Protein backbone atom coordinates (compact mmCIF):
# COMPACT_ATOMS: atom_id res chain seq x y z
CA MET A 1 13.09 44.49 -57.15
CA ALA A 2 15.52 46.59 -55.28
CA ALA A 3 17.39 49.24 -57.25
CA LEU A 4 20.82 48.15 -55.81
CA LEU A 5 22.35 44.96 -56.89
CA PRO A 6 25.57 43.27 -55.75
CA PHE A 7 28.02 41.96 -58.12
CA ASN A 8 27.07 38.78 -59.94
CA VAL A 9 23.90 38.27 -57.82
CA SER A 10 22.92 35.35 -59.95
CA PHE A 11 25.74 33.17 -59.28
CA GLY A 12 27.46 34.96 -56.60
CA ASN A 13 31.27 35.32 -57.08
CA THR A 14 31.26 37.14 -53.79
CA SER A 15 29.23 37.06 -50.70
CA LEU A 16 26.06 38.99 -51.57
CA GLU A 17 25.96 40.83 -48.29
CA GLU A 18 29.44 42.02 -48.54
CA SER A 19 28.88 43.23 -51.98
CA VAL A 20 25.90 45.44 -50.94
CA VAL A 21 28.01 46.90 -48.06
CA ARG A 22 31.15 47.33 -50.19
CA THR A 23 29.54 49.05 -53.13
CA THR A 24 30.65 52.73 -53.57
CA CYS A 25 28.27 53.53 -56.52
CA HIS A 26 24.63 54.03 -55.55
CA ASN A 27 22.85 54.04 -58.92
CA ILE A 28 23.63 50.42 -60.26
CA SER A 29 20.41 48.96 -61.46
CA VAL A 30 19.23 45.90 -63.40
CA VAL A 31 18.86 46.05 -67.21
CA PRO A 32 15.04 46.73 -67.95
CA HIS A 33 13.09 43.40 -68.48
CA GLN A 34 16.22 41.11 -67.51
CA ASN A 35 13.72 38.87 -65.81
CA ILE A 36 12.25 38.01 -69.37
CA PHE A 37 15.28 38.22 -71.48
CA ILE A 38 17.68 35.98 -69.75
CA PRO A 39 15.18 33.22 -68.92
CA THR A 40 14.08 33.24 -72.59
CA ILE A 41 17.79 32.94 -73.65
CA TYR A 42 18.29 30.06 -71.14
CA SER A 43 15.16 28.40 -72.35
CA ILE A 44 16.63 28.44 -76.08
CA ILE A 45 20.12 27.20 -74.93
CA PHE A 46 18.39 24.35 -73.04
CA ILE A 47 16.30 23.17 -75.93
CA LEU A 48 19.18 23.31 -78.47
CA GLY A 49 21.75 21.93 -76.20
CA VAL A 50 19.72 19.17 -74.92
CA LEU A 51 18.65 18.03 -78.42
CA GLY A 52 22.28 18.60 -79.92
CA ASN A 53 24.18 16.81 -77.09
CA GLY A 54 21.42 14.04 -76.78
CA LEU A 55 21.94 13.06 -80.39
CA VAL A 56 25.58 12.99 -79.77
CA LEU A 57 25.38 10.67 -77.01
CA VAL A 58 22.95 8.38 -78.95
CA VAL A 59 25.43 8.25 -81.80
CA LEU A 60 28.63 7.92 -79.96
CA CYS A 61 27.15 5.27 -77.57
CA GLN A 62 26.66 2.90 -80.70
CA GLY A 63 29.20 0.11 -80.46
CA SER A 64 30.53 0.74 -84.04
CA CYS A 65 31.91 4.11 -83.48
CA ARG A 66 32.60 4.82 -79.82
CA ASN A 67 35.97 3.15 -79.35
CA THR A 68 38.11 5.83 -80.80
CA VAL A 69 40.13 8.66 -79.14
CA ALA A 70 38.40 11.68 -80.70
CA ASN A 71 34.96 10.10 -80.00
CA THR A 72 35.77 9.46 -76.30
CA TYR A 73 36.60 13.09 -75.76
CA MET A 74 33.41 14.09 -77.70
CA LEU A 75 31.32 11.70 -75.58
CA ASN A 76 32.63 13.14 -72.39
CA LEU A 77 32.20 16.70 -73.68
CA ALA A 78 28.46 16.08 -74.54
CA LEU A 79 27.98 14.29 -71.09
CA SER A 80 29.34 17.42 -69.33
CA ASP A 81 27.26 19.81 -71.33
CA LEU A 82 24.08 17.83 -70.85
CA LEU A 83 24.47 17.44 -67.08
CA PHE A 84 24.91 21.21 -66.85
CA LEU A 85 21.83 21.93 -69.11
CA LEU A 86 19.71 19.95 -67.05
CA SER A 87 20.16 22.65 -64.30
CA LEU A 88 19.48 25.46 -66.50
CA PRO A 89 15.51 25.55 -66.03
CA PHE A 90 16.08 26.20 -62.25
CA TRP A 91 18.43 29.28 -63.15
CA ALA A 92 15.81 30.47 -65.69
CA VAL A 93 13.25 30.36 -62.99
CA TYR A 94 15.62 32.02 -60.55
CA TYR A 95 16.05 34.93 -62.93
CA SER A 96 12.34 35.24 -63.82
CA LEU A 97 11.63 35.61 -60.19
CA ASP A 98 14.15 38.67 -59.73
CA TYR A 99 16.84 36.28 -57.92
CA GLN A 100 14.37 34.54 -55.69
CA TRP A 101 15.62 30.89 -55.20
CA LEU A 102 12.61 28.57 -54.63
CA PHE A 103 14.27 25.09 -54.61
CA GLY A 104 16.18 25.01 -51.24
CA GLY A 105 19.74 24.80 -50.29
CA LEU A 106 20.43 21.27 -51.50
CA MET A 107 19.32 22.10 -55.15
CA CYS A 108 21.27 25.32 -54.75
CA LYS A 109 24.35 23.43 -54.09
CA LEU A 110 23.70 20.83 -56.72
CA CYS A 111 22.95 23.43 -59.52
CA GLY A 112 25.92 25.51 -58.52
CA GLY A 113 28.10 22.44 -58.45
CA LEU A 114 27.08 21.37 -62.04
CA LEU A 115 27.64 24.89 -63.29
CA THR A 116 31.30 24.80 -62.02
CA LEU A 117 31.81 21.38 -62.89
CA ASN A 118 30.88 21.98 -66.72
CA LEU A 119 32.91 25.23 -66.73
CA TYR A 120 36.06 23.17 -66.04
CA ALA A 121 35.15 19.88 -67.50
CA SER A 122 33.97 21.07 -70.72
CA ILE A 123 37.05 23.18 -71.33
CA PHE A 124 39.36 20.41 -70.44
CA PHE A 125 37.73 18.20 -73.04
CA ILE A 126 37.61 20.77 -75.75
CA THR A 127 41.39 21.20 -75.04
CA CYS A 128 42.00 17.57 -75.26
CA MET A 129 40.19 17.35 -78.65
CA SER A 130 42.27 20.15 -79.96
CA MET A 131 45.52 18.46 -78.81
CA ASP A 132 44.25 15.26 -80.43
CA ARG A 133 43.59 16.93 -83.78
CA TYR A 134 47.05 18.60 -83.68
CA LEU A 135 48.61 15.13 -83.15
CA ALA A 136 46.66 13.42 -85.81
CA ILE A 137 47.14 15.96 -88.51
CA VAL A 138 50.54 17.59 -87.76
CA HIS A 139 52.30 14.47 -86.29
CA PRO A 140 50.39 11.52 -87.86
CA LEU A 141 53.46 9.11 -87.37
CA THR A 142 53.65 9.88 -83.59
CA ALA A 143 49.99 9.84 -83.16
CA GLN A 144 49.84 6.08 -84.24
CA SER A 145 51.71 5.31 -81.02
CA CYS A 146 50.19 7.63 -78.38
CA ARG A 147 46.52 8.01 -79.55
CA ARG A 148 45.04 4.98 -78.02
CA PRO A 149 41.22 4.83 -76.82
CA CYS A 150 42.36 3.29 -73.43
CA ARG A 151 44.63 6.42 -72.67
CA ALA A 152 41.86 8.64 -73.71
CA ARG A 153 39.53 6.97 -71.52
CA LEU A 154 41.91 7.08 -68.54
CA LEU A 155 42.66 10.78 -69.18
CA SER A 156 38.89 11.51 -69.36
CA GLY A 157 38.52 9.91 -65.95
CA LEU A 158 41.40 12.03 -64.45
CA LEU A 159 39.89 15.14 -66.00
CA TRP A 160 36.55 14.47 -64.46
CA VAL A 161 38.23 13.98 -61.07
CA LEU A 162 40.13 17.11 -61.46
CA ALA A 163 37.05 19.13 -62.36
CA GLY A 164 35.21 17.53 -59.36
CA LEU A 165 37.94 18.64 -57.01
CA ILE A 166 38.08 22.18 -58.39
CA SER A 167 34.20 22.36 -57.89
CA ILE A 168 34.29 21.33 -54.23
CA PRO A 169 34.63 24.84 -53.00
CA ALA A 170 31.60 26.03 -55.09
CA VAL A 171 29.44 23.34 -53.55
CA VAL A 172 30.65 24.03 -49.92
CA PHE A 173 30.31 27.67 -49.99
CA ARG A 174 27.07 28.02 -52.17
CA ASP A 175 23.88 28.03 -50.24
CA SER A 176 20.51 29.81 -50.33
CA HIS A 177 20.76 33.06 -48.17
CA TYR A 178 18.15 35.55 -47.30
CA ILE A 179 19.31 39.13 -48.35
CA GLN A 180 17.37 41.67 -46.43
CA GLN A 181 18.46 44.68 -48.66
CA LEU A 182 16.85 42.88 -51.70
CA GLY A 183 14.05 41.01 -49.97
CA VAL A 184 14.83 37.66 -51.68
CA SER A 185 16.28 34.34 -50.79
CA ALA A 186 19.26 34.14 -53.15
CA CYS A 187 21.34 31.11 -54.33
CA VAL A 188 24.82 32.46 -53.82
CA LEU A 189 28.58 31.91 -52.85
CA HIS A 190 29.38 33.05 -49.38
CA TYR A 191 33.20 32.72 -48.95
CA PRO A 192 34.71 32.79 -45.43
CA GLY A 193 37.09 35.44 -46.44
CA GLN A 194 38.22 37.71 -49.40
CA ASN A 195 41.15 35.63 -50.01
CA TRP A 196 39.13 32.65 -51.01
CA PHE A 197 37.30 34.72 -53.61
CA VAL A 198 40.39 36.06 -55.03
CA ALA A 199 42.25 32.80 -55.18
CA LEU A 200 39.38 30.84 -56.68
CA ALA A 201 38.37 33.47 -59.06
CA LEU A 202 41.98 33.76 -60.49
CA MET A 203 42.18 30.01 -60.63
CA LYS A 204 38.99 30.14 -62.62
CA ASN A 205 40.58 32.69 -65.05
CA VAL A 206 43.80 30.76 -65.52
CA LEU A 207 42.76 27.07 -65.59
CA GLY A 208 39.12 27.74 -66.98
CA PHE A 209 40.30 30.16 -69.65
CA LEU A 210 43.90 31.38 -70.26
CA LEU A 211 45.73 28.23 -70.35
CA PRO A 212 43.14 26.30 -72.55
CA PHE A 213 42.75 29.11 -74.89
CA GLY A 214 46.46 29.16 -75.23
CA VAL A 215 46.76 25.42 -75.98
CA ILE A 216 43.58 25.58 -78.42
CA SER A 217 44.89 28.46 -80.22
CA SER A 218 48.48 26.98 -80.60
CA CYS A 219 46.91 23.65 -81.90
CA TYR A 220 44.77 25.08 -84.42
CA CYS A 221 47.37 27.62 -85.52
CA SER A 222 49.79 24.77 -86.06
CA ILE A 223 47.07 22.69 -87.87
CA ALA A 224 46.58 25.68 -90.28
CA ARG A 225 50.21 26.36 -90.94
CA HIS A 226 50.65 22.54 -91.62
CA LEU A 227 47.78 22.40 -94.20
CA LEU A 228 48.93 25.56 -95.82
CA GLY A 229 52.38 24.17 -96.09
CA ALA A 230 51.69 20.67 -96.93
CA PRO A 231 53.18 19.74 -100.35
CA GLY A 232 50.88 18.57 -103.05
CA LEU A 233 47.80 20.11 -101.49
CA ASP A 234 45.82 22.46 -103.84
CA LYS A 235 45.81 25.80 -101.89
CA ARG A 236 42.86 26.97 -104.00
CA SER A 237 40.59 24.02 -103.32
CA GLY A 238 37.31 24.65 -101.46
CA ASN A 239 38.18 21.75 -99.15
CA LEU A 240 41.01 23.56 -97.58
CA ASP A 241 39.04 26.82 -97.30
CA LYS A 242 36.40 24.81 -95.38
CA VAL A 243 39.14 23.37 -93.11
CA LEU A 244 40.66 26.90 -92.17
CA LYS A 245 37.21 28.17 -91.70
CA THR A 246 36.35 25.35 -89.39
CA VAL A 247 39.70 25.92 -87.41
CA LEU A 248 38.97 29.60 -87.15
CA ALA A 249 35.26 28.76 -85.98
CA VAL A 250 36.49 26.60 -83.23
CA VAL A 251 38.86 29.26 -81.83
CA LEU A 252 36.53 32.13 -82.19
CA ALA A 253 33.67 30.24 -80.55
CA PHE A 254 35.64 29.57 -77.50
CA PHE A 255 37.07 32.98 -77.21
CA LEU A 256 33.81 34.76 -77.75
CA CYS A 257 31.49 32.24 -75.52
CA TRP A 258 33.89 32.52 -72.48
CA GLY A 259 36.24 35.53 -73.07
CA PRO A 260 33.83 38.21 -71.74
CA PHE A 261 32.87 36.33 -68.59
CA HIS A 262 36.45 35.76 -67.56
CA VAL A 263 37.29 39.56 -68.28
CA LEU A 264 34.46 40.62 -66.04
CA THR A 265 35.48 38.15 -63.30
CA PHE A 266 39.02 39.60 -63.36
CA LEU A 267 37.57 43.13 -63.01
CA GLU A 268 35.43 41.86 -60.12
CA VAL A 269 38.72 40.60 -58.52
CA LEU A 270 40.42 43.99 -58.98
CA MET A 271 37.42 45.86 -57.33
CA SER A 272 37.31 43.37 -54.30
CA MET A 273 40.98 44.09 -53.73
CA GLU A 274 40.14 47.83 -54.01
CA ALA A 275 42.69 48.01 -56.85
CA LEU A 276 40.10 49.35 -59.20
CA GLN A 277 37.59 51.85 -57.93
CA VAL A 278 35.52 53.31 -60.81
CA CYS A 279 31.73 53.69 -60.77
CA TRP A 280 31.41 52.86 -64.47
CA VAL A 281 33.44 49.80 -64.29
CA GLU A 282 31.37 48.59 -61.26
CA GLU A 283 28.23 49.15 -63.16
CA ALA A 284 29.61 47.39 -66.29
CA VAL A 285 30.32 44.32 -64.11
CA SER A 286 27.13 44.30 -62.38
CA LEU A 287 24.96 44.54 -65.49
CA GLY A 288 27.23 42.56 -67.70
CA LEU A 289 27.93 39.34 -65.69
CA PRO A 290 24.41 37.85 -66.39
CA PHE A 291 24.72 38.49 -69.95
CA THR A 292 28.26 37.18 -70.21
CA LEU A 293 27.00 33.95 -68.45
CA CYS A 294 24.52 33.54 -71.20
CA LEU A 295 27.40 33.72 -73.73
CA GLY A 296 29.26 31.15 -71.75
CA PHE A 297 26.25 28.92 -71.25
CA SER A 298 25.71 29.18 -74.96
CA ASN A 299 28.92 27.12 -75.71
CA SER A 300 27.06 24.05 -74.30
CA ALA A 301 24.53 24.32 -77.11
CA ILE A 302 27.29 25.23 -79.85
CA ASN A 303 29.57 22.32 -79.05
CA PRO A 304 27.64 19.45 -80.68
CA PHE A 305 27.21 21.50 -83.98
CA LEU A 306 30.85 22.66 -83.95
CA TYR A 307 32.61 19.42 -83.18
CA CYS A 308 30.22 16.69 -84.37
CA PHE A 309 27.62 17.69 -86.85
CA VAL A 310 30.16 19.19 -89.12
CA GLY A 311 31.80 15.89 -89.58
CA ASN A 312 31.05 13.64 -92.47
CA HIS A 313 31.38 10.42 -90.33
CA PHE A 314 29.24 11.59 -87.59
CA ARG A 315 26.54 12.77 -89.90
CA GLY A 316 26.61 9.38 -91.69
CA GLN A 317 26.40 7.61 -88.34
CA LEU A 318 23.30 9.69 -87.44
CA SER A 319 21.45 9.05 -90.66
CA SER A 320 22.30 5.25 -90.39
CA ILE A 321 20.82 5.21 -87.01
CA TYR A 322 17.61 6.93 -88.32
CA GLN A 323 17.56 4.54 -91.50
CA SER A 324 17.93 1.47 -89.29
CA HIS A 325 15.21 2.58 -86.83
CA SER A 326 12.73 3.61 -89.39
CA SER A 327 13.18 0.70 -91.82
CA SER A 328 10.70 -1.45 -89.78
CA LEU A 329 7.97 1.40 -90.04
CA ARG A 330 8.11 2.61 -93.49
CA PRO A 331 10.83 0.69 -95.45
CA ASP A 332 9.74 1.82 -98.96
CA SER A 333 9.50 5.61 -98.41
CA LEU A 334 11.29 6.86 -95.33
CA SER A 335 14.25 4.57 -95.71
CA THR A 336 14.80 5.61 -99.31
CA ARG A 337 14.66 9.30 -98.31
CA LEU A 338 17.11 8.81 -95.47
CA SER A 339 19.58 6.91 -97.83
CA SER A 340 19.39 9.74 -100.11
CA PHE A 341 19.88 12.20 -97.44
CA SER A 342 22.99 10.23 -96.10
CA ARG A 343 24.56 10.33 -99.77
CA LYS A 344 24.05 14.02 -99.98
CA LEU A 345 25.56 14.51 -96.54
CA ASN A 346 28.69 12.44 -97.49
CA GLU A 347 29.19 14.47 -100.52
CA MET A 348 30.09 17.58 -98.27
CA ARG A 349 33.74 17.98 -97.57
CA ASP A 350 35.44 19.04 -94.39
CA LEU A 351 38.00 18.03 -91.96
CA GLY A 352 36.71 14.46 -92.28
CA PRO A 353 37.51 11.84 -89.47
CA LEU A 354 40.89 11.96 -87.59
CA ASP A 355 41.02 8.21 -87.29
CA HIS A 356 38.80 5.24 -88.19
CA GLY A 357 35.51 6.25 -86.58
CA ALA A 358 36.47 9.67 -85.40
CA ALA A 359 34.12 12.69 -86.09
């Protein structure tokens, strides 16, 4: 593997050739054994994410629980994460071969498009779920008139269209290019000019992180204040403590998973505009982007556990499906165990459903 690497060689925020020419620091190298570490992390994310999101889709597609606002957003979030996770094995192979793309230009565009689509779509749906929880808990009377499943499905469709439109440049500009300096055919973005990169990267920072993080933080801070100030609520109760911990976990998970990637992306913008020319920053961006992407991708595996499996109703639905499926196989033993398991799960307390059938 060549000693010099361009910024974000794996997913190519900038043209790979331009990055090699532009770099002013000549000692930037890869992290040792990166071609082992990152594929291993991707494999773990893939396995956990497919299992978790697959279970979410199975449960939420049941007729008894899918027709709610909260479940509509959860269903679309799981679908977005699952579509992206199906492309993750290709990226794992890409890293294991030191950025050699073996799957052709069409698969390069497809996998890159799924990556960008998920980045926006998943964050959009997480934001909608946060706003929905805010309305249901802080403004329950208003929520009765505006929280309707048909509106949630319409909004979900519009968000898919918006995320798809935003992803078009990534599909158009991404392709497999042979990089002579590195001796590989890499799957990279090749923008027609620097202004394209700057505009799309800043849009990614704003629409893909800053605005959603602001909305999510505001919603959950309002929920926490409402619960702490609610009359007649025992502030010392373990249930309230669990609620507040769940709220904190949601905000921290979003920030920790996507924050580092967007910070490095912004630094990359500054370097491309020659507003920041510091070798250690350039090296930090080059070495850090692959690992911050791992953090971002891990959000797809975390989402099912954070938004679904912590809910009493969702766990009850899951155990009911297992019980119904297994009753014809071993009705005397397995069904009894699952019924006991379901009762124990329902004894645990947390936020609970936001509406009838919500997770």
